[in-house]
Amino acid sequence: MNALEIKGVSKAFGRFPALKDVSLQARDKEFLALLGPSGSGKTTLLRVLAGLEQPDTGEVRFAGEDFLALPVRRRKVGMVFQHYALFRHMTVAQNIAFGLTVRKRSEKPARSEIADRVAHLLQLVQLEGLEKRFPSQLSGGQRQRVALARALAIEPKMLLLDEPFGALDAQVRRELRRWLRELHDRAGVTTVFVTHDQEEALDLADRVAILKDGELIQLGTPNEVYEHPATPFVFDFLGQACRMPGVVERGRLRVADWESDAPTGAPDGAVDVYFRPDEVTFAPADGAGLAAQVRGVAQRGPDVRIDCLIEGETVELQAHGPTLPPGVTTGLSVRIKPLRPQVYAAG
């Protein structure tokens, strides 16, 4: 069952098309990541869901209801921004309760009910005992937890997260990433998460929607989009990539002086061959693979960077200590064989 249905949504700001005919779905209680570089349209799409932007064309339905026809208040959406947007003059408890206390008298819960809900949320976000503190007395990670608790206080149907960890340092981001996934699972709401961090999206989401220049390029599970990128852009965006020209003829792939079976579905003719820099094997100069000369080797803990000259171009490869054959040193001639090349029609 799809809780969220987005069909043909387009949005332009003046002459700039921020979204171009975007269609995608999120299942009930799914964690969906919107991933893409700056200007890809991911935040604009999130703002459309929140009611902060109105699309020029298209439909948005949630649980079968016309979402665009609903006023913001009735959408019951919880939104968390990158910079917390907490009220500095309010305590943690008051910030969390804000969405409940500003409701109309007929819709406002009793004071005791609000207190119970705040206590429950403090426990959920692991901030028990901090309810009387002010935002200035909290760390960045704690402030973001307060922002998430405030978004959950209104019992939203959908949780929207706009780069919520963008203002935090790398270590805190990693710690909160695991916690956020656990929070999503316990809260049981459909979550749409905007990020430009590939690792974050692949680690957190049930499915990932990859956008570029306002268009949806690929939608799939983290494993699907990483293992089977639909375009060279997706391959390149999701991790480090090496690219070389090649030719496919009668099911065979030829790159420089190396030839192998072409991947299933590879187009005939001139192609671009992509592979991950750590998904290669090294062999002696008289072995199979691409002829290369090692130009430099740099070790960083268990990881090794190997700069190789292949067909006149310097290619940066990677290996992990145990997988690097002994004797791969600067100046050595070797053979490089990509283990899982992806092939696309030459652009």
C-alpha atoms as a PDB file:
ATOM      1  CA  MET A   1       0.000   0.000   0.000  1.00  0.00           C
ATOM      2  CA  ASN A   2       1.365   3.401  -1.008  1.00  0.00           C
ATOM      3  CA  ALA A   3       0.692   6.023   1.665  1.00  0.00           C
ATOM      4  CA  LEU A   4       2.148   8.869  -0.422  1.00  0.00           C
ATOM      5  CA  GLU A   5       1.490   9.284  -4.144  1.00  0.00           C
ATOM      6  CA  ILE A   6       3.222  12.052  -6.109  1.00  0.00           C
ATOM      7  CA  LYS A   7       2.171  12.309  -9.767  1.00  0.00           C
ATOM      8  CA  GLY A   8       3.571  14.649 -12.405  1.00  0.00           C
ATOM      9  CA  VAL A   9       4.618  17.400  -9.980  1.00  0.00           C
ATOM     10  CA  SER A  10       6.321  20.398 -11.613  1.00  0.00           C
ATOM     11  CA  LYS A  11       7.383  23.676 -10.049  1.00  0.00           C
ATOM     12  CA  ALA A  12       9.208  26.659 -11.529  1.00  0.00           C
ATOM     13  CA  PHE A  13      10.581  29.780  -9.888  1.00  0.00           C
ATOM     14  CA  GLY A  14      10.485  32.355 -12.671  1.00  0.00           C
ATOM     15  CA  ARG A  15      12.332  30.734 -15.566  1.00  0.00           C
ATOM     16  CA  PHE A  16      14.059  28.175 -13.352  1.00  0.00           C
ATOM     17  CA  PRO A  17      12.339  24.760 -13.352  1.00  0.00           C
ATOM     18  CA  ALA A  18      12.906  23.357  -9.841  1.00  0.00           C
ATOM     19  CA  LEU A  19      10.817  20.221 -10.430  1.00  0.00           C
ATOM     20  CA  LYS A  20      10.026  18.594 -13.784  1.00  0.00           C
ATOM     21  CA  ASP A  21       7.158  16.097 -13.898  1.00  0.00           C
ATOM     22  CA  VAL A  22       8.235  14.171 -10.787  1.00  0.00           C
ATOM     23  CA  SER A  23       6.290  11.013  -9.936  1.00  0.00           C
ATOM     24  CA  LEU A  24       7.087   8.663  -7.060  1.00  0.00           C
ATOM     25  CA  GLN A  25       5.503   6.834  -4.148  1.00  0.00           C
ATOM     26  CA  ALA A  26       6.272   6.140  -0.502  1.00  0.00           C
ATOM     27  CA  ARG A  27       4.741   3.144   1.214  1.00  0.00           C
ATOM     28  CA  ASP A  28       3.006   3.284   4.570  1.00  0.00           C
ATOM     29  CA  LYS A  29       5.604   3.757   7.365  1.00  0.00           C
ATOM     30  CA  GLU A  30       8.435   3.710   4.817  1.00  0.00           C
ATOM     31  CA  PHE A  31      11.642   5.709   5.258  1.00  0.00           C
ATOM     32  CA  LEU A  32      12.192   7.402   1.866  1.00  0.00           C
ATOM     33  CA  ALA A  33      15.324   9.455   1.177  1.00  0.00           C
ATOM     34  CA  LEU A  34      15.367  12.223  -1.439  1.00  0.00           C
ATOM     35  CA  LEU A  35      18.996  12.342  -2.548  1.00  0.00           C
ATOM     36  CA  GLY A  36      20.710  14.684  -4.969  1.00  0.00           C
ATOM     37  CA  PRO A  37      23.193  17.527  -5.366  1.00  0.00           C
ATOM     38  CA  SER A  38      22.358  21.160  -4.683  1.00  0.00           C
ATOM     39  CA  GLY A  39      19.700  22.410  -7.087  1.00  0.00           C
ATOM     40  CA  SER A  40      18.280  18.950  -7.775  1.00  0.00           C
ATOM     41  CA  GLY A  41      14.812  19.859  -6.441  1.00  0.00           C
ATOM     42  CA  LYS A  42      14.725  17.661  -3.354  1.00  0.00           C
ATOM     43  CA  THR A  43      14.004  20.450  -0.847  1.00  0.00           C
ATOM     44  CA  THR A  44      11.409  22.011  -3.166  1.00  0.00           C
ATOM     45  CA  LEU A  45       9.601  18.668  -3.301  1.00  0.00           C
ATOM     46  CA  LEU A  46       9.695  18.429   0.495  1.00  0.00           C
ATOM     47  CA  ARG A  47       8.268  21.950   0.790  1.00  0.00           C
ATOM     48  CA  VAL A  48       5.439  20.972  -1.572  1.00  0.00           C
ATOM     49  CA  LEU A  49       4.583  18.093   0.772  1.00  0.00           C
ATOM     50  CA  ALA A  50       4.685  20.438   3.765  1.00  0.00           C
ATOM     51  CA  GLY A  51       2.422  23.002   2.088  1.00  0.00           C
ATOM     52  CA  LEU A  52       5.132  25.653   1.995  1.00  0.00           C
ATOM     53  CA  GLU A  53       5.128  25.618  -1.830  1.00  0.00           C
ATOM     54  CA  GLN A  54       2.291  25.040  -4.289  1.00  0.00           C
ATOM     55  CA  PRO A  55       3.242  23.085  -7.429  1.00  0.00           C
ATOM     56  CA  ASP A  56       2.411  24.465 -10.866  1.00  0.00           C
ATOM     57  CA  THR A  57       1.070  21.088 -11.999  1.00  0.00           C
ATOM     58  CA  GLY A  58       0.647  17.615 -10.581  1.00  0.00           C
ATOM     59  CA  GLU A  59      -1.061  15.698  -7.794  1.00  0.00           C
ATOM     60  CA  VAL A  60      -0.078  14.735  -4.256  1.00  0.00           C
ATOM     61  CA  ARG A  61      -2.219  12.232  -2.381  1.00  0.00           C
ATOM     62  CA  PHE A  62      -1.640  10.857   1.097  1.00  0.00           C
ATOM     63  CA  ALA A  63      -3.679   7.878   2.309  1.00  0.00           C
ATOM     64  CA  GLY A  64      -5.947   8.499  -0.688  1.00  0.00           C
ATOM     65  CA  GLU A  65      -6.631  12.126   0.279  1.00  0.00           C
ATOM     66  CA  ASP A  66      -5.916  15.091  -2.014  1.00  0.00           C
ATOM     67  CA  PHE A  67      -3.033  16.609  -0.036  1.00  0.00           C
ATOM     68  CA  LEU A  68      -2.797  19.781  -2.116  1.00  0.00           C
ATOM     69  CA  ALA A  69      -6.417  20.643  -1.326  1.00  0.00           C
ATOM     70  CA  LEU A  70      -5.788  20.519   2.428  1.00  0.00           C
ATOM     71  CA  PRO A  71      -4.637  23.580   4.385  1.00  0.00           C
ATOM     72  CA  VAL A  72      -1.259  23.141   6.079  1.00  0.00           C
ATOM     73  CA  ARG A  73      -2.772  22.671   9.549  1.00  0.00           C
ATOM     74  CA  ARG A  74      -4.921  19.748   8.414  1.00  0.00           C
ATOM     75  CA  ARG A  75      -2.079  17.912   6.677  1.00  0.00           C
ATOM     76  CA  LYS A  76      -0.722  16.811  10.068  1.00  0.00           C
ATOM     77  CA  VAL A  77       2.867  16.915   8.865  1.00  0.00           C
ATOM     78  CA  GLY A  78       5.821  17.195  11.218  1.00  0.00           C
ATOM     79  CA  MET A  79       8.811  19.028   9.739  1.00  0.00           C
ATOM     80  CA  VAL A  80      12.394  19.248  10.989  1.00  0.00           C
ATOM     81  CA  PHE A  81      14.859  21.734   9.498  1.00  0.00           C
ATOM     82  CA  GLN A  82      18.647  21.749   9.337  1.00  0.00           C
ATOM     83  CA  HIS A  83      19.022  24.556  11.871  1.00  0.00           C
ATOM     84  CA  TYR A  84      16.577  23.223  14.501  1.00  0.00           C
ATOM     85  CA  ALA A  85      14.359  26.391  14.560  1.00  0.00           C
ATOM     86  CA  LEU A  86      13.856  26.022  18.324  1.00  0.00           C
ATOM     87  CA  PHE A  87      12.453  28.872  20.404  1.00  0.00           C
ATOM     88  CA  ARG A  88      15.350  30.171  22.465  1.00  0.00           C
ATOM     89  CA  HIS A  89      13.175  31.616  25.238  1.00  0.00           C
ATOM     90  CA  MET A  90      11.369  28.305  25.785  1.00  0.00           C
ATOM     91  CA  THR A  91      12.559  25.285  27.731  1.00  0.00           C
ATOM     92  CA  VAL A  92      12.975  21.886  26.111  1.00  0.00           C
ATOM     93  CA  ALA A  93       9.559  20.812  27.416  1.00  0.00           C
ATOM     94  CA  GLN A  94       7.890  24.006  26.168  1.00  0.00           C
ATOM     95  CA  ASN A  95       9.473  23.613  22.723  1.00  0.00           C
ATOM     96  CA  ILE A  96       8.238  20.038  22.439  1.00  0.00           C
ATOM     97  CA  ALA A  97       4.732  20.974  23.570  1.00  0.00           C
ATOM     98  CA  PHE A  98       4.455  24.051  21.331  1.00  0.00           C
ATOM     99  CA  GLY A  99       2.479  22.430  18.516  1.00  0.00           C
ATOM    100  CA  LEU A 100      -0.112  21.220  21.038  1.00  0.00           C
ATOM    101  CA  THR A 101      -0.412  24.414  23.078  1.00  0.00           C
ATOM    102  CA  VAL A 102      -1.143  26.647  20.079  1.00  0.00           C
ATOM    103  CA  ARG A 103      -4.111  24.595  18.882  1.00  0.00           C
ATOM    104  CA  LYS A 104      -7.605  26.008  18.990  1.00  0.00           C
ATOM    105  CA  ARG A 105      -9.286  25.623  22.370  1.00  0.00           C
ATOM    106  CA  SER A 106     -11.602  22.898  21.029  1.00  0.00           C
ATOM    107  CA  GLU A 107      -8.625  20.842  19.738  1.00  0.00           C
ATOM    108  CA  LYS A 108      -6.117  21.480  22.513  1.00  0.00           C
ATOM    109  CA  PRO A 109      -5.416  18.477  24.774  1.00  0.00           C
ATOM    110  CA  ALA A 110      -5.704  18.847  28.542  1.00  0.00           C
ATOM    111  CA  ARG A 111      -2.629  20.164  30.344  1.00  0.00           C
ATOM    112  CA  SER A 112      -2.014  16.773  31.989  1.00  0.00           C
ATOM    113  CA  GLU A 113      -2.252  15.038  28.603  1.00  0.00           C
ATOM    114  CA  ILE A 114       0.313  17.443  27.125  1.00  0.00           C
ATOM    115  CA  ALA A 115       2.652  16.818  30.071  1.00  0.00           C
ATOM    116  CA  ASP A 116       2.332  13.046  29.625  1.00  0.00           C
ATOM    117  CA  ARG A 117       3.058  13.305  25.903  1.00  0.00           C
ATOM    118  CA  VAL A 118       6.128  15.505  26.499  1.00  0.00           C
ATOM    119  CA  ALA A 119       7.429  13.018  29.090  1.00  0.00           C
ATOM    120  CA  HIS A 120       6.925  10.159  26.629  1.00  0.00           C
ATOM    121  CA  LEU A 121       8.724  12.017  23.835  1.00  0.00           C
ATOM    122  CA  LEU A 122      11.638  12.966  26.097  1.00  0.00           C
ATOM    123  CA  GLN A 123      12.076   9.272  26.780  1.00  0.00           C
ATOM    124  CA  LEU A 124      11.714   8.425  23.091  1.00  0.00           C
ATOM    125  CA  VAL A 125      14.462  10.857  22.062  1.00  0.00           C
ATOM    126  CA  GLN A 126      16.595   9.984  25.097  1.00  0.00           C
ATOM    127  CA  LEU A 127      16.565  13.429  26.731  1.00  0.00           C
ATOM    128  CA  GLU A 128      14.979  12.552  30.100  1.00  0.00           C
ATOM    129  CA  GLY A 129      15.968  15.037  32.786  1.00  0.00           C
ATOM    130  CA  LEU A 130      16.665  17.888  30.371  1.00  0.00           C
ATOM    131  CA  GLU A 131      13.102  19.213  30.100  1.00  0.00           C
ATOM    132  CA  LYS A 132      13.861  22.424  32.041  1.00  0.00           C
ATOM    133  CA  ARG A 133      16.944  23.376  30.048  1.00  0.00           C
ATOM    134  CA  PHE A 134      16.980  26.009  27.326  1.00  0.00           C
ATOM    135  CA  PRO A 135      18.302  25.368  23.784  1.00  0.00           C
ATOM    136  CA  SER A 136      21.494  27.347  24.531  1.00  0.00           C
ATOM    137  CA  GLN A 137      22.322  24.798  27.236  1.00  0.00           C
ATOM    138  CA  LEU A 138      22.210  21.853  24.820  1.00  0.00           C
ATOM    139  CA  SER A 139      24.644  20.393  22.301  1.00  0.00           C
ATOM    140  CA  GLY A 140      23.829  20.465  18.590  1.00  0.00           C
ATOM    141  CA  GLY A 141      22.824  16.812  18.627  1.00  0.00           C
ATOM    142  CA  GLN A 142      20.537  17.355  21.620  1.00  0.00           C
ATOM    143  CA  ARG A 143      18.869  20.353  19.955  1.00  0.00           C
ATOM    144  CA  GLN A 144      18.130  18.264  16.878  1.00  0.00           C
ATOM    145  CA  ARG A 145      16.540  15.610  19.085  1.00  0.00           C
ATOM    146  CA  VAL A 146      14.321  18.284  20.630  1.00  0.00           C
ATOM    147  CA  ALA A 147      13.313  19.418  17.130  1.00  0.00           C
ATOM    148  CA  LEU A 148      12.387  15.828  16.227  1.00  0.00           C
ATOM    149  CA  ALA A 149      10.399  15.407  19.451  1.00  0.00           C
ATOM    150  CA  ARG A 150       8.517  18.651  18.709  1.00  0.00           C
ATOM    151  CA  ALA A 151       7.662  17.388  15.213  1.00  0.00           C
ATOM    152  CA  LEU A 152       6.376  14.104  16.658  1.00  0.00           C
ATOM    153  CA  ALA A 153       4.337  15.781  19.417  1.00  0.00           C
ATOM    154  CA  ILE A 154       1.452  16.577  17.066  1.00  0.00           C
ATOM    155  CA  GLU A 155       1.242  12.864  16.139  1.00  0.00           C
ATOM    156  CA  PRO A 156       1.941  13.546  12.455  1.00  0.00           C
ATOM    157  CA  LYS A 157       0.848  11.318   9.623  1.00  0.00           C
ATOM    158  CA  MET A 158       4.118  12.063   7.861  1.00  0.00           C
ATOM    159  CA  LEU A 159       7.520  13.247   9.091  1.00  0.00           C
ATOM    160  CA  LEU A 160       9.540  15.528   6.776  1.00  0.00           C
ATOM    161  CA  LEU A 161      13.251  15.992   7.468  1.00  0.00           C
ATOM    162  CA  ASP A 162      15.210  18.638   5.551  1.00  0.00           C
ATOM    163  CA  GLU A 163      18.937  17.842   5.951  1.00  0.00           C
ATOM    164  CA  PRO A 164      18.443  17.534   9.728  1.00  0.00           C
ATOM    165  CA  PHE A 165      22.097  16.690  10.403  1.00  0.00           C
ATOM    166  CA  GLY A 166      23.620  19.268   8.054  1.00  0.00           C
ATOM    167  CA  ALA A 167      24.781  21.583  10.856  1.00  0.00           C
ATOM    168  CA  LEU A 168      26.406  18.807  12.916  1.00  0.00           C
ATOM    169  CA  ASP A 169      29.947  17.456  12.784  1.00  0.00           C
ATOM    170  CA  ALA A 170      30.675  14.085  11.181  1.00  0.00           C
ATOM    171  CA  GLN A 171      30.926  12.067  14.402  1.00  0.00           C
ATOM    172  CA  VAL A 172      27.609  13.377  15.784  1.00  0.00           C
ATOM    173  CA  ARG A 173      25.961  12.774  12.377  1.00  0.00           C
ATOM    174  CA  ARG A 174      27.000   9.114  12.465  1.00  0.00           C
ATOM    175  CA  GLU A 175      25.697   8.673  16.007  1.00  0.00           C
ATOM    176  CA  LEU A 176      22.347  10.335  15.252  1.00  0.00           C
ATOM    177  CA  ARG A 177      21.931   8.434  11.997  1.00  0.00           C
ATOM    178  CA  ARG A 178      21.485   5.089  13.745  1.00  0.00           C
ATOM    179  CA  TRP A 179      19.299   6.678  16.403  1.00  0.00           C
ATOM    180  CA  LEU A 180      17.036   8.333  13.818  1.00  0.00           C
ATOM    181  CA  ARG A 181      16.388   5.020  12.076  1.00  0.00           C
ATOM    182  CA  GLU A 182      15.436   3.435  15.397  1.00  0.00           C
ATOM    183  CA  LEU A 183      13.201   6.416  16.202  1.00  0.00           C
ATOM    184  CA  HIS A 184      11.443   6.098  12.841  1.00  0.00           C
ATOM    185  CA  ASP A 185      10.770   2.410  13.438  1.00  0.00           C
ATOM    186  CA  ARG A 186       9.361   3.060  16.923  1.00  0.00           C
ATOM    187  CA  ALA A 187       7.255   6.066  15.885  1.00  0.00           C
ATOM    188  CA  GLY A 188       5.705   4.181  12.960  1.00  0.00           C
ATOM    189  CA  VAL A 189       5.203   7.127  10.595  1.00  0.00           C
ATOM    190  CA  THR A 190       5.961   7.598   6.909  1.00  0.00           C
ATOM    191  CA  THR A 191       9.218   9.572   6.770  1.00  0.00           C
ATOM    192  CA  VAL A 192      10.647  11.599   3.868  1.00  0.00           C
ATOM    193  CA  PHE A 193      14.263  12.580   4.416  1.00  0.00           C
ATOM    194  CA  VAL A 194      16.196  15.087   2.278  1.00  0.00           C
ATOM    195  CA  THR A 195      19.974  14.797   2.116  1.00  0.00           C
ATOM    196  CA  HIS A 196      22.896  15.340  -0.252  1.00  0.00           C
ATOM    197  CA  ASP A 197      24.980  12.817   1.734  1.00  0.00           C
ATOM    198  CA  GLN A 198      25.076   9.556  -0.217  1.00  0.00           C
ATOM    199  CA  GLU A 199      26.297   7.464   2.708  1.00  0.00           C
ATOM    200  CA  GLU A 200      23.545   8.843   4.932  1.00  0.00           C
ATOM    201  CA  ALA A 201      20.802   8.017   2.422  1.00  0.00           C
ATOM    202  CA  LEU A 202      22.078   4.517   1.669  1.00  0.00           C
ATOM    203  CA  ASP A 203      22.517   3.750   5.368  1.00  0.00           C
ATOM    204  CA  LEU A 204      19.147   5.061   6.592  1.00  0.00           C
ATOM    205  CA  ALA A 205      16.495   4.645   3.939  1.00  0.00           C
ATOM    206  CA  ASP A 206      14.225   1.801   2.866  1.00  0.00           C
ATOM    207  CA  ARG A 207      14.296   3.321  -0.611  1.00  0.00           C
ATOM    208  CA  VAL A 208      16.197   6.177  -2.224  1.00  0.00           C
ATOM    209  CA  ALA A 209      14.872   8.631  -4.831  1.00  0.00           C
ATOM    210  CA  ILE A 210      17.768  10.222  -6.732  1.00  0.00           C
ATOM    211  CA  LEU A 211      17.071  13.614  -8.298  1.00  0.00           C
ATOM    212  CA  LYS A 212      19.076  15.754 -10.686  1.00  0.00           C
ATOM    213  CA  ASP A 213      18.101  19.124 -12.183  1.00  0.00           C
ATOM    214  CA  GLY A 214      14.513  18.731 -10.969  1.00  0.00           C
ATOM    215  CA  GLU A 215      14.011  15.257 -12.462  1.00  0.00           C
ATOM    216  CA  LEU A 216      13.700  11.857 -10.807  1.00  0.00           C
ATOM    217  CA  ILE A 217      16.569   9.758 -12.167  1.00  0.00           C
ATOM    218  CA  GLN A 218      16.163   6.529 -10.201  1.00  0.00           C
ATOM    219  CA  LEU A 219      14.080   5.106  -7.354  1.00  0.00           C
ATOM    220  CA  GLY A 220      14.992   1.896  -5.562  1.00  0.00           C
ATOM    221  CA  THR A 221      16.380   0.268  -2.456  1.00  0.00           C
ATOM    222  CA  PRO A 222      19.873   1.362  -1.382  1.00  0.00           C
ATOM    223  CA  ASN A 223      21.275  -1.889  -2.747  1.00  0.00           C
ATOM    224  CA  GLU A 224      19.428  -1.545  -6.074  1.00  0.00           C
ATOM    225  CA  VAL A 225      20.614   1.987  -6.803  1.00  0.00           C
ATOM    226  CA  TYR A 226      24.198   1.256  -5.732  1.00  0.00           C
ATOM    227  CA  GLU A 227      24.592  -2.090  -7.482  1.00  0.00           C
ATOM    228  CA  HIS A 228      22.570  -1.195 -10.605  1.00  0.00           C
ATOM    229  CA  PRO A 229      22.879   2.568 -11.246  1.00  0.00           C
ATOM    230  CA  ALA A 230      20.515   3.609 -14.024  1.00  0.00           C
ATOM    231  CA  THR A 231      22.840   6.278 -15.452  1.00  0.00           C
ATOM    232  CA  PRO A 232      26.493   7.345 -15.290  1.00  0.00           C
ATOM    233  CA  PHE A 233      25.384  10.242 -13.071  1.00  0.00           C
ATOM    234  CA  VAL A 234      23.963   7.846 -10.475  1.00  0.00           C
ATOM    235  CA  PHE A 235      27.080   5.663 -10.587  1.00  0.00           C
ATOM    236  CA  ASP A 236      29.333   8.677 -10.132  1.00  0.00           C
ATOM    237  CA  PHE A 237      27.146  10.338  -7.492  1.00  0.00           C
ATOM    238  CA  LEU A 238      26.867   7.304  -5.223  1.00  0.00           C
ATOM    239  CA  GLY A 239      30.596   6.762  -4.779  1.00  0.00           C
ATOM    240  CA  GLN A 240      34.042   7.168  -6.211  1.00  0.00           C
ATOM    241  CA  ALA A 241      34.211   6.121  -9.835  1.00  0.00           C
ATOM    242  CA  CYS A 242      36.751   5.396 -12.550  1.00  0.00           C
ATOM    243  CA  ARG A 243      35.706   5.925 -16.181  1.00  0.00           C
ATOM    244  CA  MET A 244      37.278   4.656 -19.397  1.00  0.00           C
ATOM    245  CA  PRO A 245      36.123   4.472 -23.037  1.00  0.00           C
ATOM    246  CA  GLY A 246      35.408   1.070 -24.518  1.00  0.00           C
ATOM    247  CA  VAL A 247      33.631  -0.819 -27.293  1.00  0.00           C
ATOM    248  CA  VAL A 248      31.049  -3.616 -27.133  1.00  0.00           C
ATOM    249  CA  GLU A 249      30.819  -5.986 -30.120  1.00  0.00           C
ATOM    250  CA  ARG A 250      28.972  -9.300 -30.265  1.00  0.00           C
ATOM    251  CA  GLY A 251      28.764  -9.621 -26.493  1.00  0.00           C
ATOM    252  CA  ARG A 252      32.417  -8.772 -25.861  1.00  0.00           C
ATOM    253  CA  LEU A 253      33.729  -5.686 -24.109  1.00  0.00           C
ATOM    254  CA  ARG A 254      37.063  -4.223 -25.157  1.00  0.00           C
ATOM    255  CA  VAL A 255      38.835  -1.524 -23.140  1.00  0.00           C
ATOM    256  CA  ALA A 256      42.288  -0.605 -24.470  1.00  0.00           C
ATOM    257  CA  ASP A 257      44.186  -3.923 -24.592  1.00  0.00           C
ATOM    258  CA  TRP A 258      41.826  -5.805 -22.261  1.00  0.00           C
ATOM    259  CA  GLU A 259      38.850  -7.849 -23.441  1.00  0.00           C
ATOM    260  CA  SER A 260      36.136  -9.680 -21.496  1.00  0.00           C
ATOM    261  CA  ASP A 261      32.492 -10.716 -21.678  1.00  0.00           C
ATOM    262  CA  ALA A 262      30.258  -7.639 -21.762  1.00  0.00           C
ATOM    263  CA  PRO A 263      27.875  -7.168 -18.816  1.00  0.00           C
ATOM    264  CA  THR A 264      24.299  -8.321 -19.436  1.00  0.00           C
ATOM    265  CA  GLY A 265      22.297  -5.697 -21.314  1.00  0.00           C
ATOM    266  CA  ALA A 266      25.338  -3.700 -22.426  1.00  0.00           C
ATOM    267  CA  PRO A 267      24.640  -1.685 -25.612  1.00  0.00           C
ATOM    268  CA  ASP A 268      26.633  -2.369 -28.775  1.00  0.00           C
ATOM    269  CA  GLY A 269      29.101   0.203 -30.036  1.00  0.00           C
ATOM    270  CA  ALA A 270      31.099   2.877 -28.265  1.00  0.00           C
ATOM    271  CA  VAL A 271      30.542   2.809 -24.503  1.00  0.00           C
ATOM    272  CA  ASP A 272      31.716   4.401 -21.287  1.00  0.00           C
ATOM    273  CA  VAL A 273      32.957   1.861 -18.765  1.00  0.00           C
ATOM    274  CA  TYR A 274      32.613   2.707 -15.068  1.00  0.00           C
ATOM    275  CA  PHE A 275      34.039   0.794 -12.126  1.00  0.00           C
ATOM    276  CA  ARG A 276      34.724   1.403  -8.450  1.00  0.00           C
ATOM    277  CA  PRO A 277      38.381   2.146  -7.617  1.00  0.00           C
ATOM    278  CA  ASP A 278      38.399  -0.500  -4.870  1.00  0.00           C
ATOM    279  CA  GLU A 279      36.798  -3.207  -7.041  1.00  0.00           C
ATOM    280  CA  VAL A 280      39.857  -4.227  -9.061  1.00  0.00           C
ATOM    281  CA  THR A 281      42.444  -6.976  -8.978  1.00  0.00           C
ATOM    282  CA  PHE A 282      46.166  -6.574  -9.651  1.00  0.00           C
ATOM    283  CA  ALA A 283      48.182  -9.048 -11.696  1.00  0.00           C
ATOM    284  CA  PRO A 284      51.754  -9.200 -13.041  1.00  0.00           C
ATOM    285  CA  ALA A 285      52.503  -7.433 -16.337  1.00  0.00           C
ATOM    286  CA  ASP A 286      52.168 -10.715 -18.268  1.00  0.00           C
ATOM    287  CA  GLY A 287      48.707 -11.429 -16.757  1.00  0.00           C
ATOM    288  CA  ALA A 288      45.199 -10.459 -17.847  1.00  0.00           C
ATOM    289  CA  GLY A 289      43.755  -6.956 -17.540  1.00  0.00           C
ATOM    290  CA  LEU A 290      44.516  -3.365 -18.438  1.00  0.00           C
ATOM    291  CA  ALA A 291      48.184  -2.514 -18.785  1.00  0.00           C
ATOM    292  CA  ALA A 292      49.137   0.029 -16.102  1.00  0.00           C
ATOM    293  CA  GLN A 293      52.167   1.547 -14.463  1.00  0.00           C
ATOM    294  CA  VAL A 294      52.128   2.264 -10.734  1.00  0.00           C
ATOM    295  CA  ARG A 295      52.976   5.933 -10.213  1.00  0.00           C
ATOM    296  CA  GLY A 296      52.537   6.119  -6.450  1.00  0.00           C
ATOM    297  CA  VAL A 297      51.406   4.124  -3.403  1.00  0.00           C
ATOM    298  CA  ALA A 298      50.154   5.806  -0.224  1.00  0.00           C
ATOM    299  CA  GLN A 299      48.978   3.867   2.820  1.00  0.00           C
ATOM    300  CA  ARG A 300      46.504   5.304   5.331  1.00  0.00           C
ATOM    301  CA  GLY A 301      45.984   2.731   8.043  1.00  0.00           C
ATOM    302  CA  PRO A 302      44.485  -0.388   6.431  1.00  0.00           C
ATOM    303  CA  ASP A 303      43.620   1.500   3.222  1.00  0.00           C
ATOM    304  CA  VAL A 304      46.016   1.954   0.333  1.00  0.00           C
ATOM    305  CA  ARG A 305      45.755   4.441  -2.542  1.00  0.00           C
ATOM    306  CA  ILE A 306      47.462   3.356  -5.773  1.00  0.00           C
ATOM    307  CA  ASP A 307      47.913   5.928  -8.529  1.00  0.00           C
ATOM    308  CA  CYS A 308      48.244   4.180 -11.884  1.00  0.00           C
ATOM    309  CA  LEU A 309      48.926   5.418 -15.404  1.00  0.00           C
ATOM    310  CA  ILE A 310      46.480   3.698 -17.783  1.00  0.00           C
ATOM    311  CA  GLU A 311      46.292   4.690 -21.437  1.00  0.00           C
ATOM    312  CA  GLY A 312      48.077   7.949 -20.661  1.00  0.00           C
ATOM    313  CA  GLU A 313      45.617   8.921 -17.890  1.00  0.00           C
ATOM    314  CA  THR A 314      46.275   8.813 -14.151  1.00  0.00           C
ATOM    315  CA  VAL A 315      43.663   6.672 -12.398  1.00  0.00           C
ATOM    316  CA  GLU A 316      43.403   6.582  -8.606  1.00  0.00           C
ATOM    317  CA  LEU A 317      42.679   3.064  -7.362  1.00  0.00           C
ATOM    318  CA  GLN A 318      42.165   1.787  -3.837  1.00  0.00           C
ATOM    319  CA  ALA A 319      42.855  -1.403  -1.961  1.00  0.00           C
ATOM    320  CA  HIS A 320      42.667  -2.656   1.576  1.00  0.00           C
ATOM    321  CA  GLY A 321      45.928  -3.850   3.058  1.00  0.00           C
ATOM    322  CA  PRO A 322      45.211  -7.611   2.945  1.00  0.00           C
ATOM    323  CA  THR A 323      43.987  -7.463  -0.663  1.00  0.00           C
ATOM    324  CA  LEU A 324      47.013  -5.635  -2.080  1.00  0.00           C
ATOM    325  CA  PRO A 325      49.405  -8.154  -3.664  1.00  0.00           C
ATOM    326  CA  PRO A 326      52.929  -7.943  -2.301  1.00  0.00           C
ATOM    327  CA  GLY A 327      55.351  -6.128  -4.559  1.00  0.00           C
ATOM    328  CA  VAL A 328      52.945  -3.472  -5.909  1.00  0.00           C
ATOM    329  CA  THR A 329      55.337  -0.546  -5.678  1.00  0.00           C
ATOM    330  CA  THR A 330      56.014   2.729  -7.466  1.00  0.00           C
ATOM    331  CA  GLY A 331      57.364   2.210 -10.980  1.00  0.00           C
ATOM    332  CA  LEU A 332      56.046  -1.344 -11.346  1.00  0.00           C
ATOM    333  CA  SER A 333      54.183  -2.418 -14.498  1.00  0.00           C
ATOM    334  CA  VAL A 334      51.019  -4.341 -13.645  1.00  0.00           C
ATOM    335  CA  ARG A 335      47.664  -5.452 -15.053  1.00  0.00           C
ATOM    336  CA  ILE A 336      44.412  -4.077 -13.638  1.00  0.00           C
ATOM    337  CA  LYS A 337      41.139  -5.975 -13.990  1.00  0.00           C
ATOM    338  CA  PRO A 338      37.845  -4.272 -13.000  1.00  0.00           C
ATOM    339  CA  LEU A 339      35.704  -6.792 -11.145  1.00  0.00           C
ATOM    340  CA  ARG A 340      32.226  -5.372 -11.799  1.00  0.00           C
ATOM    341  CA  PRO A 341      32.299  -2.852 -14.640  1.00  0.00           C
ATOM    342  CA  GLN A 342      29.104  -1.003 -15.537  1.00  0.00           C
ATOM    343  CA  VAL A 343      28.655  -0.115 -19.197  1.00  0.00           C
ATOM    344  CA  TYR A 344      26.659   2.804 -20.647  1.00  0.00           C
ATOM    345  CA  ALA A 345      26.274   4.099 -24.190  1.00  0.00           C
ATOM    346  CA  ALA A 346      28.981   6.681 -24.819  1.00  0.00           C
ATOM    347  CA  GLY A 347      27.712  10.160 -24.002  1.00  0.00           C
END
